Amino acid sequence: MNKPSVMMSPTFAALMLAVMLGMAVGAKADIEVLPTAELQARFDGLTHELRCMQCQNQSIADSPVGLASDLRRDVREKLIAGKTDAEIRSSMVARYGNFILFRPPFERSTAWIWIAPFVVLLIGAFVAFRIVRQRSALVATDDSVIEDEIVR
């Protein structure tokens, strides 16, 4: 008895494609709409500058996880309650620390975040300078015969 392969069936392929497309469309189902355009603009700005604590490399506006959805809801509720952007940011920092901000303030505890890239750049420039200097010194003292000179 010949059993038809499920993987070869065009019906199965079409069904799988429909399921995947449905999952992609439904991934961001909690679109937040606020009563006024000003509140919506503030909401969009705040949710793009707050980091998802679970994903850590996405803003809460872009993250599909439940924690980001909860944080978006929290921001929305605070905006509707009349809180300022600074109050919302400070409440998020009080709860999660400066790590929740994509651009943390320059403070004693976050200074390394701002200074470290410049230090690493200086170290890299110093190492590159030393390597170039050492290699140019080697070339100046090199008296080995080059293959082209042997052929001539």
N, C-alpha and C. Protein backbone atom coordinates (compact mmCIF):
# COMPACT_ATOMS: atom_id res chain seq x y z
N MET A 1 0.84 -1.17 0.00
CA MET A 1 0.00 0.00 0.00
C MET A 1 0.89 1.24 0.00
N ASN A 2 0.71 2.07 -1.00
CA ASN A 2 1.48 3.30 -1.11
C ASN A 2 0.84 4.39 -0.27
N LYS A 3 1.62 4.91 0.66
CA LYS A 3 1.13 5.98 1.51
C LYS A 3 1.66 7.30 0.96
N PRO A 4 0.82 8.29 0.65
CA PRO A 4 1.32 9.56 0.13
C PRO A 4 2.11 10.30 1.22
N SER A 5 3.20 10.91 0.81
CA SER A 5 4.06 11.64 1.75
C SER A 5 3.39 12.96 2.12
N VAL A 6 3.36 13.23 3.39
CA VAL A 6 2.74 14.47 3.87
C VAL A 6 3.58 15.68 3.45
N MET A 7 4.88 15.53 3.43
CA MET A 7 5.76 16.65 3.11
C MET A 7 5.68 17.04 1.64
N MET A 8 5.29 16.14 0.77
CA MET A 8 5.25 16.42 -0.66
C MET A 8 3.92 17.00 -1.09
N SER A 9 2.96 16.96 -0.25
CA SER A 9 1.63 17.39 -0.62
C SER A 9 1.57 18.92 -0.78
N PRO A 10 1.09 19.42 -1.93
CA PRO A 10 0.95 20.86 -2.11
C PRO A 10 -0.06 21.46 -1.14
N THR A 11 -1.05 20.68 -0.76
CA THR A 11 -2.04 21.16 0.21
C THR A 11 -1.38 21.40 1.56
N PHE A 12 -0.52 20.49 1.96
CA PHE A 12 0.19 20.63 3.22
C PHE A 12 1.10 21.86 3.19
N ALA A 13 1.79 22.06 2.08
CA ALA A 13 2.68 23.22 1.96
C ALA A 13 1.89 24.52 2.03
N ALA A 14 0.75 24.58 1.36
CA ALA A 14 -0.09 25.78 1.39
C ALA A 14 -0.63 26.03 2.80
N LEU A 15 -1.01 24.98 3.48
CA LEU A 15 -1.50 25.10 4.85
C LEU A 15 -0.41 25.63 5.78
N MET A 16 0.79 25.10 5.66
CA MET A 16 1.91 25.56 6.49
C MET A 16 2.23 27.03 6.22
N LEU A 17 2.20 27.43 4.95
CA LEU A 17 2.45 28.82 4.59
C LEU A 17 1.39 29.73 5.21
N ALA A 18 0.14 29.33 5.16
CA ALA A 18 -0.93 30.12 5.75
C ALA A 18 -0.77 30.24 7.26
N VAL A 19 -0.38 29.17 7.91
CA VAL A 19 -0.16 29.20 9.37
C VAL A 19 0.98 30.14 9.71
N MET A 20 2.09 30.07 8.98
CA MET A 20 3.24 30.93 9.26
C MET A 20 2.91 32.40 9.03
N LEU A 21 2.19 32.69 7.96
CA LEU A 21 1.80 34.07 7.70
C LEU A 21 0.86 34.59 8.79
N GLY A 22 -0.03 33.74 9.24
CA GLY A 22 -0.95 34.12 10.31
C GLY A 22 -0.20 34.41 11.61
N MET A 23 0.84 33.62 11.89
CA MET A 23 1.64 33.85 13.09
C MET A 23 2.40 35.16 12.98
N ALA A 24 2.93 35.47 11.81
CA ALA A 24 3.69 36.69 11.62
C ALA A 24 2.80 37.92 11.76
N VAL A 25 1.58 37.84 11.25
CA VAL A 25 0.66 38.96 11.34
C VAL A 25 0.18 39.14 12.78
N GLY A 26 -0.05 38.07 13.49
CA GLY A 26 -0.57 38.16 14.85
C GLY A 26 0.49 38.40 15.90
N ALA A 27 1.76 38.47 15.51
CA ALA A 27 2.84 38.63 16.49
C ALA A 27 2.73 39.95 17.23
N LYS A 28 2.30 41.00 16.59
CA LYS A 28 2.21 42.31 17.23
C LYS A 28 0.74 42.72 17.27
N ALA A 29 -0.06 41.97 18.00
CA ALA A 29 -1.50 42.20 18.01
C ALA A 29 -1.91 43.30 18.97
N ASP A 30 -1.07 43.66 19.93
CA ASP A 30 -1.47 44.66 20.92
C ASP A 30 -1.02 46.06 20.51
N ILE A 31 -1.54 46.54 19.38
CA ILE A 31 -1.24 47.88 18.90
C ILE A 31 -1.90 48.86 19.86
N GLU A 32 -1.09 49.78 20.37
CA GLU A 32 -1.58 50.75 21.34
C GLU A 32 -2.06 52.01 20.62
N VAL A 33 -3.29 52.41 20.86
CA VAL A 33 -3.84 53.64 20.30
C VAL A 33 -4.32 54.49 21.46
N LEU A 34 -3.81 55.72 21.52
CA LEU A 34 -4.17 56.63 22.60
C LEU A 34 -5.16 57.67 22.11
N PRO A 35 -5.86 58.32 23.03
CA PRO A 35 -6.95 59.24 22.64
C PRO A 35 -6.52 60.42 21.77
N THR A 36 -5.34 60.99 22.02
CA THR A 36 -4.92 62.17 21.25
C THR A 36 -3.62 61.87 20.50
N ALA A 37 -3.38 62.66 19.46
CA ALA A 37 -2.15 62.49 18.67
C ALA A 37 -0.92 62.84 19.51
N GLU A 38 -1.06 63.82 20.41
CA GLU A 38 0.08 64.22 21.26
C GLU A 38 0.46 63.08 22.21
N LEU A 39 -0.53 62.47 22.84
CA LEU A 39 -0.25 61.33 23.72
C LEU A 39 0.33 60.16 22.94
N GLN A 40 -0.16 59.95 21.72
CA GLN A 40 0.35 58.86 20.89
C GLN A 40 1.82 59.11 20.54
N ALA A 41 2.16 60.36 20.21
CA ALA A 41 3.55 60.68 19.89
C ALA A 41 4.45 60.49 21.11
N ARG A 42 3.99 60.92 22.28
CA ARG A 42 4.76 60.73 23.51
C ARG A 42 4.93 59.24 23.82
N PHE A 43 3.86 58.47 23.63
CA PHE A 43 3.90 57.03 23.86
C PHE A 43 4.92 56.37 22.93
N ASP A 44 4.87 56.72 21.65
CA ASP A 44 5.81 56.15 20.69
C ASP A 44 7.24 56.50 21.06
N GLY A 45 7.48 57.74 21.44
CA GLY A 45 8.83 58.16 21.83
C GLY A 45 9.33 57.42 23.06
N LEU A 46 8.50 57.33 24.08
CA LEU A 46 8.90 56.66 25.32
C LEU A 46 9.14 55.17 25.10
N THR A 47 8.26 54.51 24.38
CA THR A 47 8.42 53.07 24.21
C THR A 47 9.61 52.72 23.32
N HIS A 48 10.08 53.67 22.51
CA HIS A 48 11.27 53.42 21.70
C HIS A 48 12.56 53.70 22.45
N GLU A 49 12.49 54.41 23.56
CA GLU A 49 13.72 54.68 24.31
C GLU A 49 13.85 53.83 25.57
N LEU A 50 12.87 52.97 25.82
CA LEU A 50 12.95 52.05 26.95
C LEU A 50 13.30 50.65 26.45
N ARG A 51 14.27 50.02 27.10
CA ARG A 51 14.78 48.71 26.70
C ARG A 51 13.90 47.60 27.27
N CYS A 52 13.65 46.59 26.46
CA CYS A 52 12.96 45.40 26.96
C CYS A 52 13.93 44.65 27.86
N MET A 53 13.53 44.38 29.08
CA MET A 53 14.42 43.74 30.04
C MET A 53 14.62 42.26 29.74
N GLN A 54 13.76 41.68 28.94
CA GLN A 54 13.91 40.27 28.57
C GLN A 54 14.75 40.13 27.30
N CYS A 55 14.45 40.93 26.29
CA CYS A 55 15.18 40.85 25.02
C CYS A 55 16.52 41.57 25.10
N GLN A 56 16.57 42.67 25.81
CA GLN A 56 17.75 43.49 26.09
C GLN A 56 18.35 44.19 24.89
N ASN A 57 17.97 43.85 23.70
CA ASN A 57 18.52 44.53 22.54
C ASN A 57 17.41 45.15 21.70
N GLN A 58 16.21 45.16 22.25
CA GLN A 58 15.07 45.74 21.55
C GLN A 58 14.37 46.71 22.48
N SER A 59 13.72 47.68 21.90
CA SER A 59 12.90 48.58 22.71
C SER A 59 11.60 47.85 23.05
N ILE A 60 10.89 48.39 24.04
CA ILE A 60 9.62 47.75 24.40
C ILE A 60 8.59 47.92 23.29
N ALA A 61 8.81 48.91 22.42
CA ALA A 61 7.89 49.10 21.29
C ALA A 61 8.04 47.99 20.26
N ASP A 62 9.26 47.46 20.11
CA ASP A 62 9.54 46.47 19.08
C ASP A 62 9.50 45.03 19.58
N SER A 63 9.49 44.84 20.88
CA SER A 63 9.58 43.50 21.45
C SER A 63 8.22 42.81 21.51
N PRO A 64 8.16 41.53 21.11
CA PRO A 64 6.89 40.81 21.13
C PRO A 64 6.62 40.07 22.45
N VAL A 65 7.54 40.11 23.42
CA VAL A 65 7.38 39.32 24.64
C VAL A 65 6.36 39.95 25.59
N GLY A 66 5.87 39.14 26.51
CA GLY A 66 4.84 39.58 27.45
C GLY A 66 5.28 40.71 28.36
N LEU A 67 6.53 40.69 28.82
CA LEU A 67 7.03 41.75 29.70
C LEU A 67 6.98 43.09 28.99
N ALA A 68 7.38 43.13 27.73
CA ALA A 68 7.33 44.38 26.97
C ALA A 68 5.89 44.86 26.81
N SER A 69 4.98 43.93 26.61
CA SER A 69 3.57 44.29 26.51
C SER A 69 3.08 44.91 27.82
N ASP A 70 3.50 44.33 28.95
CA ASP A 70 3.13 44.88 30.25
C ASP A 70 3.72 46.28 30.45
N LEU A 71 4.97 46.47 30.02
CA LEU A 71 5.60 47.78 30.15
C LEU A 71 4.93 48.81 29.25
N ARG A 72 4.55 48.41 28.04
CA ARG A 72 3.82 49.32 27.16
C ARG A 72 2.49 49.73 27.79
N ARG A 73 1.79 48.75 28.39
CA ARG A 73 0.52 49.04 29.05
C ARG A 73 0.74 50.00 30.22
N ASP A 74 1.82 49.78 30.97
CA ASP A 74 2.14 50.65 32.11
C ASP A 74 2.42 52.08 31.64
N VAL A 75 3.19 52.22 30.55
CA VAL A 75 3.48 53.56 30.00
C VAL A 75 2.18 54.21 29.54
N ARG A 76 1.33 53.46 28.85
CA ARG A 76 0.06 53.99 28.37
C ARG A 76 -0.82 54.48 29.50
N GLU A 77 -0.92 53.67 30.57
CA GLU A 77 -1.74 54.06 31.72
C GLU A 77 -1.20 55.31 32.39
N LYS A 78 0.11 55.43 32.50
CA LYS A 78 0.71 56.60 33.14
C LYS A 78 0.52 57.85 32.28
N LEU A 79 0.59 57.69 30.96
CA LEU A 79 0.35 58.83 30.09
C LEU A 79 -1.09 59.32 30.21
N ILE A 80 -2.03 58.39 30.23
CA ILE A 80 -3.44 58.75 30.35
C ILE A 80 -3.72 59.38 31.72
N ALA A 81 -2.98 58.94 32.75
CA ALA A 81 -3.14 59.50 34.09
C ALA A 81 -2.54 60.90 34.21
N GLY A 82 -1.83 61.37 33.18
CA GLY A 82 -1.31 62.73 33.19
C GLY A 82 0.15 62.85 33.63
N LYS A 83 0.86 61.76 33.74
CA LYS A 83 2.28 61.81 34.14
C LYS A 83 3.12 62.39 33.00
N THR A 84 4.20 63.07 33.38
CA THR A 84 5.12 63.61 32.38
C THR A 84 6.06 62.50 31.92
N ASP A 85 6.76 62.76 30.82
CA ASP A 85 7.73 61.79 30.31
C ASP A 85 8.82 61.53 31.34
N ALA A 86 9.28 62.58 32.00
CA ALA A 86 10.34 62.44 33.01
C ALA A 86 9.86 61.59 34.18
N GLU A 87 8.61 61.77 34.60
CA GLU A 87 8.07 60.95 35.70
C GLU A 87 7.97 59.48 35.30
N ILE A 88 7.57 59.23 34.07
CA ILE A 88 7.47 57.85 33.59
C ILE A 88 8.85 57.21 33.51
N ARG A 89 9.82 57.95 32.96
CA ARG A 89 11.19 57.43 32.89
C ARG A 89 11.73 57.15 34.29
N SER A 90 11.52 58.07 35.20
CA SER A 90 12.07 57.88 36.56
C SER A 90 11.39 56.71 37.27
N SER A 91 10.11 56.48 37.01
CA SER A 91 9.45 55.32 37.64
C SER A 91 10.00 54.01 37.06
N MET A 92 10.29 54.00 35.77
CA MET A 92 10.88 52.81 35.15
C MET A 92 12.30 52.58 35.67
N VAL A 93 13.07 53.67 35.83
CA VAL A 93 14.44 53.55 36.35
C VAL A 93 14.39 53.10 37.80
N ALA A 94 13.42 53.58 38.56
CA ALA A 94 13.30 53.16 39.97
C ALA A 94 13.01 51.66 40.06
N ARG A 95 12.24 51.16 39.13
CA ARG A 95 11.88 49.75 39.16
C ARG A 95 12.97 48.85 38.58
N TYR A 96 13.59 49.28 37.45
CA TYR A 96 14.52 48.40 36.72
C TYR A 96 15.98 48.89 36.70
N GLY A 97 16.22 50.09 37.16
CA GLY A 97 17.58 50.63 37.10
C GLY A 97 17.83 51.33 35.78
N ASN A 98 19.01 51.98 35.66
CA ASN A 98 19.35 52.73 34.46
C ASN A 98 19.47 51.85 33.22
N PHE A 99 19.58 50.54 33.41
CA PHE A 99 19.73 49.63 32.28
C PHE A 99 18.52 49.68 31.36
N ILE A 100 17.36 50.07 31.87
CA ILE A 100 16.16 50.09 31.02
C ILE A 100 16.23 51.22 29.99
N LEU A 101 17.07 52.21 30.21
CA LEU A 101 17.19 53.32 29.27
C LEU A 101 18.24 52.98 28.21
N PHE A 102 17.90 53.21 26.94
CA PHE A 102 18.89 53.00 25.89
C PHE A 102 19.99 54.05 25.98
N ARG A 103 19.67 55.24 26.49
CA ARG A 103 20.67 56.29 26.69
C ARG A 103 20.68 56.68 28.16
N PRO A 104 21.39 55.90 28.98
CA PRO A 104 21.41 56.21 30.41
C PRO A 104 22.12 57.53 30.68
N PRO A 105 21.77 58.22 31.76
CA PRO A 105 22.41 59.50 32.07
C PRO A 105 23.87 59.28 32.47
N PHE A 106 24.69 60.32 32.30
CA PHE A 106 26.09 60.23 32.71
C PHE A 106 26.15 60.48 34.20
N GLU A 107 26.29 59.40 34.94
CA GLU A 107 26.38 59.45 36.40
C GLU A 107 27.58 58.61 36.81
N ARG A 108 27.87 58.63 38.10
CA ARG A 108 29.01 57.86 38.61
C ARG A 108 28.85 56.37 38.30
N SER A 109 27.63 55.86 38.45
CA SER A 109 27.40 54.42 38.24
C SER A 109 27.38 54.03 36.76
N THR A 110 27.14 54.99 35.86
CA THR A 110 27.07 54.67 34.43
C THR A 110 28.23 55.27 33.64
N ALA A 111 29.20 55.84 34.31
CA ALA A 111 30.31 56.50 33.61
C ALA A 111 31.08 55.51 32.73
N TRP A 112 31.22 54.29 33.19
CA TRP A 112 31.97 53.29 32.41
C TRP A 112 31.33 53.03 31.06
N ILE A 113 29.99 53.14 30.98
CA ILE A 113 29.29 52.92 29.71
C ILE A 113 29.70 53.98 28.69
N TRP A 114 29.88 55.20 29.17
CA TRP A 114 30.22 56.31 28.29
C TRP A 114 31.72 56.39 28.00
N ILE A 115 32.55 55.98 28.96
CA ILE A 115 33.99 56.13 28.83
C ILE A 115 34.64 54.92 28.16
N ALA A 116 34.12 53.73 28.40
CA ALA A 116 34.73 52.49 27.90
C ALA A 116 34.98 52.49 26.39
N PRO A 117 34.07 52.93 25.53
CA PRO A 117 34.37 52.90 24.09
C PRO A 117 35.60 53.73 23.71
N PHE A 118 35.78 54.88 24.36
CA PHE A 118 36.94 55.72 24.06
C PHE A 118 38.23 55.08 24.56
N VAL A 119 38.17 54.44 25.72
CA VAL A 119 39.35 53.75 26.25
C VAL A 119 39.74 52.60 25.33
N VAL A 120 38.77 51.82 24.90
CA VAL A 120 39.04 50.70 24.00
C VAL A 120 39.60 51.22 22.67
N LEU A 121 39.08 52.32 22.18
CA LEU A 121 39.58 52.92 20.94
C LEU A 121 41.03 53.36 21.11
N LEU A 122 41.37 54.00 22.21
CA LEU A 122 42.74 54.42 22.47
C LEU A 122 43.68 53.23 22.58
N ILE A 123 43.25 52.18 23.27
CA ILE A 123 44.08 50.97 23.39
C ILE A 123 44.30 50.35 22.01
N GLY A 124 43.26 50.27 21.20
CA GLY A 124 43.39 49.74 19.85
C GLY A 124 44.34 50.57 18.99
N ALA A 125 44.25 51.89 19.09
CA ALA A 125 45.15 52.76 18.33
C ALA A 125 46.59 52.58 18.79
N PHE A 126 46.80 52.45 20.09
CA PHE A 126 48.14 52.24 20.63
C PHE A 126 48.72 50.91 20.14
N VAL A 127 47.93 49.85 20.19
CA VAL A 127 48.39 48.53 19.73
C VAL A 127 48.71 48.57 18.23
N ALA A 128 47.84 49.19 17.44
CA ALA A 128 48.08 49.30 16.00
C ALA A 128 49.36 50.09 15.72
N PHE A 129 49.57 51.16 16.43
CA PHE A 129 50.78 51.97 16.28
C PHE A 129 52.03 51.15 16.59
N ARG A 130 51.99 50.39 17.68
CA ARG A 130 53.14 49.55 18.07
C ARG A 130 53.42 48.48 17.02
N ILE A 131 52.39 47.83 16.50
CA ILE A 131 52.57 46.78 15.50
C ILE A 131 53.18 47.36 14.23
N VAL A 132 52.67 48.50 13.78
CA VAL A 132 53.19 49.13 12.55
C VAL A 132 54.64 49.54 12.77
N ARG A 133 54.95 50.10 13.92
CA ARG A 133 56.32 50.52 14.21
C ARG A 133 57.28 49.33 14.25
N GLN A 134 56.86 48.24 14.88
CA GLN A 134 57.72 47.06 14.96
C GLN A 134 57.94 46.44 13.58
N ARG A 135 56.92 46.39 12.77
CA ARG A 135 57.06 45.80 11.44
C ARG A 135 57.91 46.67 10.53
N SER A 136 57.77 47.98 10.63
CA SER A 136 58.62 48.84 9.80
C SER A 136 60.07 48.74 10.23
N ALA A 137 60.35 48.51 11.51
CA ALA A 137 61.71 48.31 11.98
C ALA A 137 62.25 46.98 11.45
N LEU A 138 61.41 45.97 11.38
CA LEU A 138 61.84 44.68 10.83
C LEU A 138 62.18 44.78 9.35
N VAL A 139 61.42 45.54 8.60
CA VAL A 139 61.67 45.70 7.17
C VAL A 139 62.99 46.42 6.95
N ALA A 140 63.27 47.41 7.76
CA ALA A 140 64.52 48.18 7.61
C ALA A 140 65.74 47.32 7.89
N THR A 141 65.64 46.37 8.79
CA THR A 141 66.80 45.52 9.14
C THR A 141 66.81 44.20 8.40
N ASP A 142 65.82 43.95 7.55
CA ASP A 142 65.73 42.67 6.83
C ASP A 142 66.74 42.64 5.69
N ASP A 143 67.61 41.64 5.71
CA ASP A 143 68.58 41.49 4.63
C ASP A 143 68.43 40.15 3.91
N SER A 144 67.27 39.54 4.04
CA SER A 144 67.03 38.26 3.38
C SER A 144 66.87 38.46 1.87
N VAL A 145 67.17 37.43 1.14
CA VAL A 145 67.11 37.47 -0.32
C VAL A 145 65.69 37.20 -0.77
N ILE A 146 65.23 38.00 -1.68
CA ILE A 146 63.88 37.83 -2.24
C ILE A 146 64.00 36.89 -3.44
N GLU A 147 62.99 36.06 -3.68
CA GLU A 147 63.02 35.09 -4.76
C GLU A 147 63.26 35.73 -6.11
N ASP A 148 62.72 36.91 -6.35
CA ASP A 148 62.92 37.61 -7.64
C ASP A 148 64.39 37.92 -7.86
N GLU A 149 65.10 38.25 -6.80
CA GLU A 149 66.51 38.59 -6.93
C GLU A 149 67.34 37.33 -7.27
N ILE A 150 66.90 36.17 -6.80
CA ILE A 150 67.63 34.93 -7.09
C ILE A 150 67.50 34.57 -8.55
N VAL A 151 66.32 34.77 -9.13
CA VAL A 151 66.09 34.42 -10.52
C VAL A 151 66.92 35.29 -11.44
N ARG A 152 67.14 36.53 -11.15
CA ARG A 152 67.89 37.45 -12.02
C ARG A 152 69.29 37.09 -12.09
